[in-house]
Amino acid sequence: LTVVSENGIGISGKPPFSIFEIATSISVELHNTVVPPPQGSKWLLSRVELSRPLLDSDLDDFHLELVQKVGSTLTKTSVASKNQSIGHFLFSLAKH
């Protein structure tokens, strides 16, 4: 179960997936909710910048926040757990 705020998203519970699968899928949900792509386009994870690997224990207080939009095709999302920054995900808008 995910919870979306104005520019952020978190997760409650512990789904049976890897932390990276969870993080990337809820990042896409955040983008589709906060900055919906135009018809025929979708958000793609284009770069991962983490200070350390994501750990299963990060799910205890995991939060993603859309912190920057560059034009209408690039974004930067902060990745944090327990109020500690872990890094960023960068997304690009692509036509499919």
PDB file of N, CA and C in Angstrom:
ATOM      1  N   LEU A   1       0.852  -1.177   0.000  1.00  0.00           N
ATOM      2  CA  LEU A   1       0.000   0.000   0.000  1.00  0.00           C
ATOM      3  C   LEU A   1       0.890   1.228   0.000  1.00  0.00           C
ATOM      4  N   THR A   2       0.641   2.136  -0.927  1.00  0.00           N
ATOM      5  CA  THR A   2       1.429   3.356  -0.989  1.00  0.00           C
ATOM      6  C   THR A   2       0.576   4.549  -0.595  1.00  0.00           C
ATOM      7  N   VAL A   3       1.229   5.576  -0.111  1.00  0.00           N
ATOM      8  CA  VAL A   3       0.565   6.800   0.299  1.00  0.00           C
ATOM      9  C   VAL A   3       1.226   7.947  -0.443  1.00  0.00           C
ATOM     10  N   VAL A   4       0.438   8.725  -1.187  1.00  0.00           N
ATOM     11  CA  VAL A   4       0.982   9.842  -1.955  1.00  0.00           C
ATOM     12  C   VAL A   4       0.602  11.141  -1.270  1.00  0.00           C
ATOM     13  N   SER A   5       1.593  12.008  -1.040  1.00  0.00           N
ATOM     14  CA  SER A   5       1.323  13.348  -0.556  1.00  0.00           C
ATOM     15  C   SER A   5       1.503  14.291  -1.743  1.00  0.00           C
ATOM     16  N   GLU A   6       1.626  15.580  -1.499  1.00  0.00           N
ATOM     17  CA  GLU A   6       1.698  16.541  -2.607  1.00  0.00           C
ATOM     18  C   GLU A   6       2.802  16.198  -3.611  1.00  0.00           C
ATOM     19  N   ASN A   7       4.019  15.994  -3.163  1.00  0.00           N
ATOM     20  CA  ASN A   7       5.133  15.657  -4.049  1.00  0.00           C
ATOM     21  C   ASN A   7       5.893  14.432  -3.584  1.00  0.00           C
ATOM     22  N   GLY A   8       5.329  13.678  -2.651  1.00  0.00           N
ATOM     23  CA  GLY A   8       6.059  12.541  -2.104  1.00  0.00           C
ATOM     24  C   GLY A   8       5.205  11.299  -2.021  1.00  0.00           C
ATOM     25  N   ILE A   9       5.879  10.195  -1.769  1.00  0.00           N
ATOM     26  CA  ILE A   9       5.197   8.913  -1.655  1.00  0.00           C
ATOM     27  C   ILE A   9       5.949   8.052  -0.655  1.00  0.00           C
ATOM     28  N   GLY A  10       5.221   7.276   0.086  1.00  0.00           N
ATOM     29  CA  GLY A  10       5.815   6.342   1.039  1.00  0.00           C
ATOM     30  C   GLY A  10       5.109   5.009   0.919  1.00  0.00           C
ATOM     31  N   ILE A  11       5.496   4.083   1.724  1.00  0.00           N
ATOM     32  CA  ILE A  11       4.903   2.749   1.667  1.00  0.00           C
ATOM     33  C   ILE A  11       4.622   2.273   3.079  1.00  0.00           C
ATOM     34  N   SER A  12       3.511   1.582   3.216  1.00  0.00           N
ATOM     35  CA  SER A  12       3.224   0.953   4.508  1.00  0.00           C
ATOM     36  C   SER A  12       3.118  -0.544   4.268  1.00  0.00           C
ATOM     37  N   GLY A  13       3.532  -1.311   5.225  1.00  0.00           N
ATOM     38  CA  GLY A  13       3.543  -2.761   5.052  1.00  0.00           C
ATOM     39  C   GLY A  13       4.850  -3.211   4.401  1.00  0.00           C
ATOM     40  N   LYS A  14       4.959  -4.510   4.180  1.00  0.00           N
ATOM     41  CA  LYS A  14       6.172  -5.082   3.582  1.00  0.00           C
ATOM     42  C   LYS A  14       5.776  -6.024   2.450  1.00  0.00           C
ATOM     43  N   PRO A  15       5.691  -5.490   1.228  1.00  0.00           N
ATOM     44  CA  PRO A  15       5.345  -6.336   0.083  1.00  0.00           C
ATOM     45  C   PRO A  15       6.421  -7.402  -0.167  1.00  0.00           C
ATOM     46  N   PRO A  16       6.059  -8.486  -0.848  1.00  0.00           N
ATOM     47  CA  PRO A  16       7.010  -9.591  -1.078  1.00  0.00           C
ATOM     48  C   PRO A  16       7.910  -9.359  -2.296  1.00  0.00           C
ATOM     49  N   PHE A  17       8.476  -8.171  -2.413  1.00  0.00           N
ATOM     50  CA  PHE A  17       9.362  -7.832  -3.519  1.00  0.00           C
ATOM     51  C   PHE A  17      10.643  -7.250  -2.954  1.00  0.00           C
ATOM     52  N   SER A  18      11.668  -7.152  -3.784  1.00  0.00           N
ATOM     53  CA  SER A  18      12.926  -6.548  -3.327  1.00  0.00           C
ATOM     54  C   SER A  18      12.709  -5.049  -3.106  1.00  0.00           C
ATOM     55  N   ILE A  19      13.515  -4.457  -2.258  1.00  0.00           N
ATOM     56  CA  ILE A  19      13.418  -3.029  -1.973  1.00  0.00           C
ATOM     57  C   ILE A  19      13.594  -2.207  -3.244  1.00  0.00           C
ATOM     58  N   PHE A  20      14.467  -2.640  -4.142  1.00  0.00           N
ATOM     59  CA  PHE A  20      14.679  -1.887  -5.377  1.00  0.00           C
ATOM     60  C   PHE A  20      13.438  -1.955  -6.271  1.00  0.00           C
ATOM     61  N   GLU A  21      12.810  -3.133  -6.363  1.00  0.00           N
ATOM     62  CA  GLU A  21      11.571  -3.260  -7.146  1.00  0.00           C
ATOM     63  C   GLU A  21      10.478  -2.357  -6.580  1.00  0.00           C
ATOM     64  N   ILE A  22      10.365  -2.325  -5.276  1.00  0.00           N
ATOM     65  CA  ILE A  22       9.366  -1.483  -4.624  1.00  0.00           C
ATOM     66  C   ILE A  22       9.664  -0.013  -4.884  1.00  0.00           C
ATOM     67  N   ALA A  23      10.917   0.382  -4.686  1.00  0.00           N
ATOM     68  CA  ALA A  23      11.303   1.784  -4.857  1.00  0.00           C
ATOM     69  C   ALA A  23      11.041   2.268  -6.281  1.00  0.00           C
ATOM     70  N   THR A  24      11.415   1.470  -7.262  1.00  0.00           N
ATOM     71  CA  THR A  24      11.221   1.916  -8.643  1.00  0.00           C
ATOM     72  C   THR A  24       9.740   1.939  -9.018  1.00  0.00           C
ATOM     73  N   SER A  25       8.980   0.954  -8.569  1.00  0.00           N
ATOM     74  CA  SER A  25       7.565   0.936  -8.940  1.00  0.00           C
ATOM     75  C   SER A  25       6.787   2.075  -8.283  1.00  0.00           C
ATOM     76  N   ILE A  26       7.076   2.383  -7.013  1.00  0.00           N
ATOM     77  CA  ILE A  26       6.347   3.496  -6.407  1.00  0.00           C
ATOM     78  C   ILE A  26       6.855   4.843  -6.923  1.00  0.00           C
ATOM     79  N   SER A  27       8.092   4.887  -7.412  1.00  0.00           N
ATOM     80  CA  SER A  27       8.586   6.107  -8.061  1.00  0.00           C
ATOM     81  C   SER A  27       7.786   6.397  -9.320  1.00  0.00           C
ATOM     82  N   VAL A  28       7.501   5.357 -10.083  1.00  0.00           N
ATOM     83  CA  VAL A  28       6.695   5.520 -11.293  1.00  0.00           C
ATOM     84  C   VAL A  28       5.276   5.952 -10.907  1.00  0.00           C
ATOM     85  N   GLU A  29       4.721   5.342  -9.851  1.00  0.00           N
ATOM     86  CA  GLU A  29       3.387   5.740  -9.380  1.00  0.00           C
ATOM     87  C   GLU A  29       3.367   7.213  -8.974  1.00  0.00           C
ATOM     88  N   LEU A  30       4.412   7.641  -8.276  1.00  0.00           N
ATOM     89  CA  LEU A  30       4.521   9.049  -7.885  1.00  0.00           C
ATOM     90  C   LEU A  30       4.504   9.943  -9.117  1.00  0.00           C
ATOM     91  N   HIS A  31       5.315   9.610 -10.109  1.00  0.00           N
ATOM     92  CA  HIS A  31       5.375  10.422 -11.324  1.00  0.00           C
ATOM     93  C   HIS A  31       4.028  10.444 -12.053  1.00  0.00           C
ATOM     94  N   ASN A  32       3.400   9.278 -12.176  1.00  0.00           N
ATOM     95  CA  ASN A  32       2.120   9.212 -12.881  1.00  0.00           C
ATOM     96  C   ASN A  32       1.024   9.977 -12.160  1.00  0.00           C
ATOM     97  N   THR A  33       1.162  10.158 -10.842  1.00  0.00           N
ATOM     98  CA  THR A  33       0.184  10.897 -10.048  1.00  0.00           C
ATOM     99  C   THR A  33       0.470  12.393 -10.048  1.00  0.00           C
ATOM    100  N   VAL A  34       1.717  12.769  -9.800  1.00  0.00           N
ATOM    101  CA  VAL A  34       2.078  14.174  -9.629  1.00  0.00           C
ATOM    102  C   VAL A  34       2.312  14.882 -10.972  1.00  0.00           C
ATOM    103  N   VAL A  35       2.957  14.206 -11.898  1.00  0.00           N
ATOM    104  CA  VAL A  35       3.227  14.775 -13.233  1.00  0.00           C
ATOM    105  C   VAL A  35       2.824  13.739 -14.299  1.00  0.00           C
ATOM    106  N   PRO A  36       1.518  13.563 -14.495  1.00  0.00           N
ATOM    107  CA  PRO A  36       1.064  12.535 -15.431  1.00  0.00           C
ATOM    108  C   PRO A  36       1.653  12.740 -16.825  1.00  0.00           C
ATOM    109  N   PRO A  37       2.095  11.651 -17.460  1.00  0.00           N
ATOM    110  CA  PRO A  37       2.680  11.783 -18.793  1.00  0.00           C
ATOM    111  C   PRO A  37       1.586  12.004 -19.835  1.00  0.00           C
ATOM    112  N   PRO A  38       1.923  12.713 -20.911  1.00  0.00           N
ATOM    113  CA  PRO A  38       0.952  12.853 -21.997  1.00  0.00           C
ATOM    114  C   PRO A  38       0.657  11.489 -22.618  1.00  0.00           C
ATOM    115  N   GLN A  39      -0.485  11.385 -23.267  1.00  0.00           N
ATOM    116  CA  GLN A  39      -0.845  10.128 -23.925  1.00  0.00           C
ATOM    117  C   GLN A  39       0.268   9.739 -24.896  1.00  0.00           C
ATOM    118  N   GLY A  40       0.630   8.454 -24.880  1.00  0.00           N
ATOM    119  CA  GLY A  40       1.681   7.952 -25.763  1.00  0.00           C
ATOM    120  C   GLY A  40       3.079   8.078 -25.181  1.00  0.00           C
ATOM    121  N   SER A  41       3.169   8.551 -23.935  1.00  0.00           N
ATOM    122  CA  SER A  41       4.462   8.695 -23.261  1.00  0.00           C
ATOM    123  C   SER A  41       4.433   7.978 -21.924  1.00  0.00           C
ATOM    124  N   LYS A  42       5.626   7.703 -21.372  1.00  0.00           N
ATOM    125  CA  LYS A  42       5.707   7.132 -20.029  1.00  0.00           C
ATOM    126  C   LYS A  42       7.021   7.542 -19.390  1.00  0.00           C
ATOM    127  N   TRP A  43       7.025   7.526 -18.052  1.00  0.00           N
ATOM    128  CA  TRP A  43       8.227   7.850 -17.291  1.00  0.00           C
ATOM    129  C   TRP A  43       9.126   6.622 -17.207  1.00  0.00           C
ATOM    130  N   LEU A  44      10.406   6.816 -17.495  1.00  0.00           N
ATOM    131  CA  LEU A  44      11.389   5.740 -17.415  1.00  0.00           C
ATOM    132  C   LEU A  44      12.497   6.125 -16.445  1.00  0.00           C
ATOM    133  N   LEU A  45      12.894   5.191 -15.600  1.00  0.00           N
ATOM    134  CA  LEU A  45      14.027   5.402 -14.709  1.00  0.00           C
ATOM    135  C   LEU A  45      15.277   5.464 -15.578  1.00  0.00           C
ATOM    136  N   SER A  46      15.978   6.592 -15.535  1.00  0.00           N
ATOM    137  CA  SER A  46      17.129   6.755 -16.421  1.00  0.00           C
ATOM    138  C   SER A  46      18.471   6.782 -15.690  1.00  0.00           C
ATOM    139  N   ARG A  47      18.443   7.011 -14.387  1.00  0.00           N
ATOM    140  CA  ARG A  47      19.705   7.029 -13.637  1.00  0.00           C
ATOM    141  C   ARG A  47      19.423   6.809 -12.158  1.00  0.00           C
ATOM    142  N   VAL A  48      20.309   6.065 -11.506  1.00  0.00           N
ATOM    143  CA  VAL A  48      20.215   5.807 -10.069  1.00  0.00           C
ATOM    144  C   VAL A  48      21.492   6.322  -9.432  1.00  0.00           C
ATOM    145  N   GLU A  49      21.344   7.210  -8.451  1.00  0.00           N
ATOM    146  CA  GLU A  49      22.477   7.774  -7.714  1.00  0.00           C
ATOM    147  C   GLU A  49      22.248   7.510  -6.232  1.00  0.00           C
ATOM    148  N   LEU A  50      22.856   6.454  -5.713  1.00  0.00           N
ATOM    149  CA  LEU A  50      22.677   6.098  -4.311  1.00  0.00           C
ATOM    150  C   LEU A  50      24.016   6.101  -3.586  1.00  0.00           C
ATOM    151  N   SER A  51      24.014   6.535  -2.334  1.00  0.00           N
ATOM    152  CA  SER A  51      25.242   6.553  -1.540  1.00  0.00           C
ATOM    153  C   SER A  51      25.584   5.167  -0.997  1.00  0.00           C
ATOM    154  N   ARG A  52      24.580   4.284  -1.024  1.00  0.00           N
ATOM    155  CA  ARG A  52      24.767   2.906  -0.570  1.00  0.00           C
ATOM    156  C   ARG A  52      23.643   2.067  -1.163  1.00  0.00           C
ATOM    157  N   PRO A  53      23.783   0.745  -1.138  1.00  0.00           N
ATOM    158  CA  PRO A  53      22.686  -0.101  -1.631  1.00  0.00           C
ATOM    159  C   PRO A  53      21.435   0.058  -0.760  1.00  0.00           C
ATOM    160  N   LEU A  54      20.278  -0.104  -1.367  1.00  0.00           N
ATOM    161  CA  LEU A  54      19.032  -0.119  -0.600  1.00  0.00           C
ATOM    162  C   LEU A  54      18.962  -1.415   0.191  1.00  0.00           C
ATOM    163  N   LEU A  55      18.506  -1.314   1.429  1.00  0.00           N
ATOM    164  CA  LEU A  55      18.393  -2.473   2.322  1.00  0.00           C
ATOM    165  C   LEU A  55      16.934  -2.744   2.647  1.00  0.00           C
ATOM    166  N   ASP A  56      16.603  -4.001   2.902  1.00  0.00           N
ATOM    167  CA  ASP A  56      15.227  -4.331   3.279  1.00  0.00           C
ATOM    168  C   ASP A  56      14.782  -3.521   4.493  1.00  0.00           C
ATOM    169  N   SER A  57      15.679  -3.234   5.410  1.00  0.00           N
ATOM    170  CA  SER A  57      15.330  -2.459   6.609  1.00  0.00           C
ATOM    171  C   SER A  57      14.951  -1.015   6.268  1.00  0.00           C
ATOM    172  N   ASP A  58      15.298  -0.537   5.069  1.00  0.00           N
ATOM    173  CA  ASP A  58      14.920   0.817   4.659  1.00  0.00           C
ATOM    174  C   ASP A  58      13.416   0.967   4.507  1.00  0.00           C
ATOM    175  N   LEU A  59      12.701  -0.145   4.336  1.00  0.00           N
ATOM    176  CA  LEU A  59      11.246  -0.086   4.179  1.00  0.00           C
ATOM    177  C   LEU A  59      10.536   0.408   5.428  1.00  0.00           C
ATOM    178  N   ASP A  60      11.184   0.324   6.586  1.00  0.00           N
ATOM    179  CA  ASP A  60      10.544   0.718   7.841  1.00  0.00           C
ATOM    180  C   ASP A  60      10.040   2.158   7.821  1.00  0.00           C
ATOM    181  N   ASP A  61      10.734   3.052   7.148  1.00  0.00           N
ATOM    182  CA  ASP A  61      10.309   4.457   7.033  1.00  0.00           C
ATOM    183  C   ASP A  61      10.829   4.992   5.708  1.00  0.00           C
ATOM    184  N   PHE A  62      10.327   4.428   4.624  1.00  0.00           N
ATOM    185  CA  PHE A  62      10.820   4.731   3.284  1.00  0.00           C
ATOM    186  C   PHE A  62      10.005   5.857   2.669  1.00  0.00           C
ATOM    187  N   HIS A  63      10.684   6.804   2.007  1.00  0.00           N
ATOM    188  CA  HIS A  63       9.990   7.951   1.423  1.00  0.00           C
ATOM    189  C   HIS A  63      10.715   8.414   0.164  1.00  0.00           C
ATOM    190  N   LEU A  64       9.930   8.702  -0.858  1.00  0.00           N
ATOM    191  CA  LEU A  64      10.438   9.280  -2.098  1.00  0.00           C
ATOM    192  C   LEU A  64       9.758  10.629  -2.289  1.00  0.00           C
ATOM    193  N   GLU A  65      10.504  11.605  -2.790  1.00  0.00           N
ATOM    194  CA  GLU A  65       9.921  12.924  -3.030  1.00  0.00           C
ATOM    195  C   GLU A  65      10.445  13.488  -4.341  1.00  0.00           C
ATOM    196  N   LEU A  66       9.520  13.949  -5.162  1.00  0.00           N
ATOM    197  CA  LEU A  66       9.885  14.619  -6.415  1.00  0.00           C
ATOM    198  C   LEU A  66      10.430  15.989  -6.047  1.00  0.00           C
ATOM    199  N   VAL A  67      11.726  16.208  -6.253  1.00  0.00           N
ATOM    200  CA  VAL A  67      12.352  17.442  -5.777  1.00  0.00           C
ATOM    201  C   VAL A  67      12.705  18.420  -6.891  1.00  0.00           C
ATOM    202  N   GLN A  68      12.745  17.945  -8.140  1.00  0.00           N
ATOM    203  CA  GLN A  68      13.130  18.849  -9.219  1.00  0.00           C
ATOM    204  C   GLN A  68      12.560  18.369 -10.542  1.00  0.00           C
ATOM    205  N   LYS A  69      12.035  19.327 -11.313  1.00  0.00           N
ATOM    206  CA  LYS A  69      11.619  19.069 -12.688  1.00  0.00           C
ATOM    207  C   LYS A  69      12.479  19.929 -13.591  1.00  0.00           C
ATOM    208  N   VAL A  70      13.015  19.342 -14.641  1.00  0.00           N
ATOM    209  CA  VAL A  70      13.792  20.079 -15.633  1.00  0.00           C
ATOM    210  C   VAL A  70      12.953  20.089 -16.904  1.00  0.00           C
ATOM    211  N   GLY A  71      12.369  21.231 -17.206  1.00  0.00           N
ATOM    212  CA  GLY A  71      11.431  21.295 -18.318  1.00  0.00           C
ATOM    213  C   GLY A  71      10.266  20.364 -18.030  1.00  0.00           C
ATOM    214  N   SER A  72       9.832  19.663 -19.053  1.00  0.00           N
ATOM    215  CA  SER A  72       8.709  18.746 -18.862  1.00  0.00           C
ATOM    216  C   SER A  72       9.101  17.296 -19.108  1.00  0.00           C
ATOM    217  N   THR A  73      10.420  17.034 -19.259  1.00  0.00           N
ATOM    218  CA  THR A  73      10.827  15.670 -19.617  1.00  0.00           C
ATOM    219  C   THR A  73      11.825  15.020 -18.672  1.00  0.00           C
ATOM    220  N   LEU A  74      12.344  15.736 -17.685  1.00  0.00           N
ATOM    221  CA  LEU A  74      13.312  15.169 -16.740  1.00  0.00           C
ATOM    222  C   LEU A  74      12.916  15.510 -15.315  1.00  0.00           C
ATOM    223  N   THR A  75      13.135  14.558 -14.393  1.00  0.00           N
ATOM    224  CA  THR A  75      12.855  14.817 -12.979  1.00  0.00           C
ATOM    225  C   THR A  75      13.939  14.204 -12.104  1.00  0.00           C
ATOM    226  N   LYS A  76      13.996  14.704 -10.884  1.00  0.00           N
ATOM    227  CA  LYS A  76      14.903  14.168  -9.861  1.00  0.00           C
ATOM    228  C   LYS A  76      14.062  13.868  -8.628  1.00  0.00           C
ATOM    229  N   THR A  77      14.184  12.655  -8.123  1.00  0.00           N
ATOM    230  CA  THR A  77      13.410  12.199  -6.969  1.00  0.00           C
ATOM    231  C   THR A  77      14.363  11.812  -5.855  1.00  0.00           C
ATOM    232  N   SER A  78      14.142  12.361  -4.656  1.00  0.00           N
ATOM    233  CA  SER A  78      14.985  11.992  -3.522  1.00  0.00           C
ATOM    234  C   SER A  78      14.534  10.653  -2.955  1.00  0.00           C
ATOM    235  N   VAL A  79      15.499   9.883  -2.487  1.00  0.00           N
ATOM    236  CA  VAL A  79      15.262   8.575  -1.881  1.00  0.00           C
ATOM    237  C   VAL A  79      15.758   8.668  -0.440  1.00  0.00           C
ATOM    238  N   ALA A  80      14.865   8.380   0.516  1.00  0.00           N
ATOM    239  CA  ALA A  80      15.248   8.506   1.927  1.00  0.00           C
ATOM    240  C   ALA A  80      14.597   7.408   2.759  1.00  0.00           C
ATOM    241  N   SER A  81      15.235   7.117   3.880  1.00  0.00           N
ATOM    242  CA  SER A  81      14.693   6.193   4.857  1.00  0.00           C
ATOM    243  C   SER A  81      15.088   6.691   6.243  1.00  0.00           C
ATOM    244  N   LYS A  82      14.142   6.641   7.146  1.00  0.00           N
ATOM    245  CA  LYS A  82      14.384   7.096   8.520  1.00  0.00           C
ATOM    246  C   LYS A  82      14.957   8.508   8.538  1.00  0.00           C
ATOM    247  N   ASN A  83      14.409   9.374   7.669  1.00  0.00           N
ATOM    248  CA  ASN A  83      14.816  10.783   7.542  1.00  0.00           C
ATOM    249  C   ASN A  83      16.279  10.961   7.142  1.00  0.00           C
ATOM    250  N   GLN A  84      16.887   9.936   6.556  1.00  0.00           N
ATOM    251  CA  GLN A  84      18.267  10.013   6.074  1.00  0.00           C
ATOM    252  C   GLN A  84      18.265   9.858   4.558  1.00  0.00           C
ATOM    253  N   SER A  85      18.913  10.773   3.870  1.00  0.00           N
ATOM    254  CA  SER A  85      19.003  10.686   2.414  1.00  0.00           C
ATOM    255  C   SER A  85      19.856   9.488   2.008  1.00  0.00           C
ATOM    256  N   ILE A  86      19.369   8.759   1.030  1.00  0.00           N
ATOM    257  CA  ILE A  86      20.127   7.639   0.461  1.00  0.00           C
ATOM    258  C   ILE A  86      20.618   7.998  -0.938  1.00  0.00           C
ATOM    259  N   GLY A  87      19.915   8.919  -1.590  1.00  0.00           N
ATOM    260  CA  GLY A  87      20.322   9.319  -2.931  1.00  0.00           C
ATOM    261  C   GLY A  87      19.159   9.827  -3.752  1.00  0.00           C
ATOM    262  N   HIS A  88      19.266   9.619  -5.084  1.00  0.00           N
ATOM    263  CA  HIS A  88      18.271  10.135  -6.023  1.00  0.00           C
ATOM    264  C   HIS A  88      18.017   9.156  -7.159  1.00  0.00           C
ATOM    265  N   PHE A  89      16.805   9.242  -7.699  1.00  0.00           N
ATOM    266  CA  PHE A  89      16.446   8.592  -8.956  1.00  0.00           C
ATOM    267  C   PHE A  89      16.181   9.704  -9.960  1.00  0.00           C
ATOM    268  N   LEU A  90      16.664   9.543 -11.173  1.00  0.00           N
ATOM    269  CA  LEU A  90      16.359  10.481 -12.243  1.00  0.00           C
ATOM    270  C   LEU A  90      15.474   9.759 -13.253  1.00  0.00           C
ATOM    271  N   PHE A  91      14.425  10.455 -13.682  1.00  0.00           N
ATOM    272  CA  PHE A  91      13.469   9.913 -14.639  1.00  0.00           C
ATOM    273  C   PHE A  91      13.434  10.761 -15.881  1.00  0.00           C
ATOM    274  N   SER A  92      13.162  10.107 -17.020  1.00  0.00           N
ATOM    275  CA  SER A  92      13.005  10.784 -18.305  1.00  0.00           C
ATOM    276  C   SER A  92      11.652  10.401 -18.884  1.00  0.00           C
ATOM    277  N   LEU A  93      11.039  11.346 -19.573  1.00  0.00           N
ATOM    278  CA  LEU A  93       9.779  11.076 -20.241  1.00  0.00           C
ATOM    279  C   LEU A  93      10.090  10.577 -21.648  1.00  0.00           C
ATOM    280  N   ALA A  94       9.531   9.434 -22.000  1.00  0.00           N
ATOM    281  CA  ALA A  94       9.803   8.828 -23.318  1.00  0.00           C
ATOM    282  C   ALA A  94       8.500   8.471 -24.005  1.00  0.00           C
ATOM    283  N   LYS A  95       8.508   8.582 -25.315  1.00  0.00           N
ATOM    284  CA  LYS A  95       7.347   8.148 -26.107  1.00  0.00           C
ATOM    285  C   LYS A  95       7.432   6.655 -26.316  1.00  0.00           C
ATOM    286  N   HIS A  96       6.268   6.010 -26.294  1.00  0.00           N
ATOM    287  CA  HIS A  96       6.264   4.561 -26.542  1.00  0.00           C
ATOM    288  C   HIS A  96       5.325   4.224 -27.667  1.00  0.00           C
TER     289      HIS A  96
END
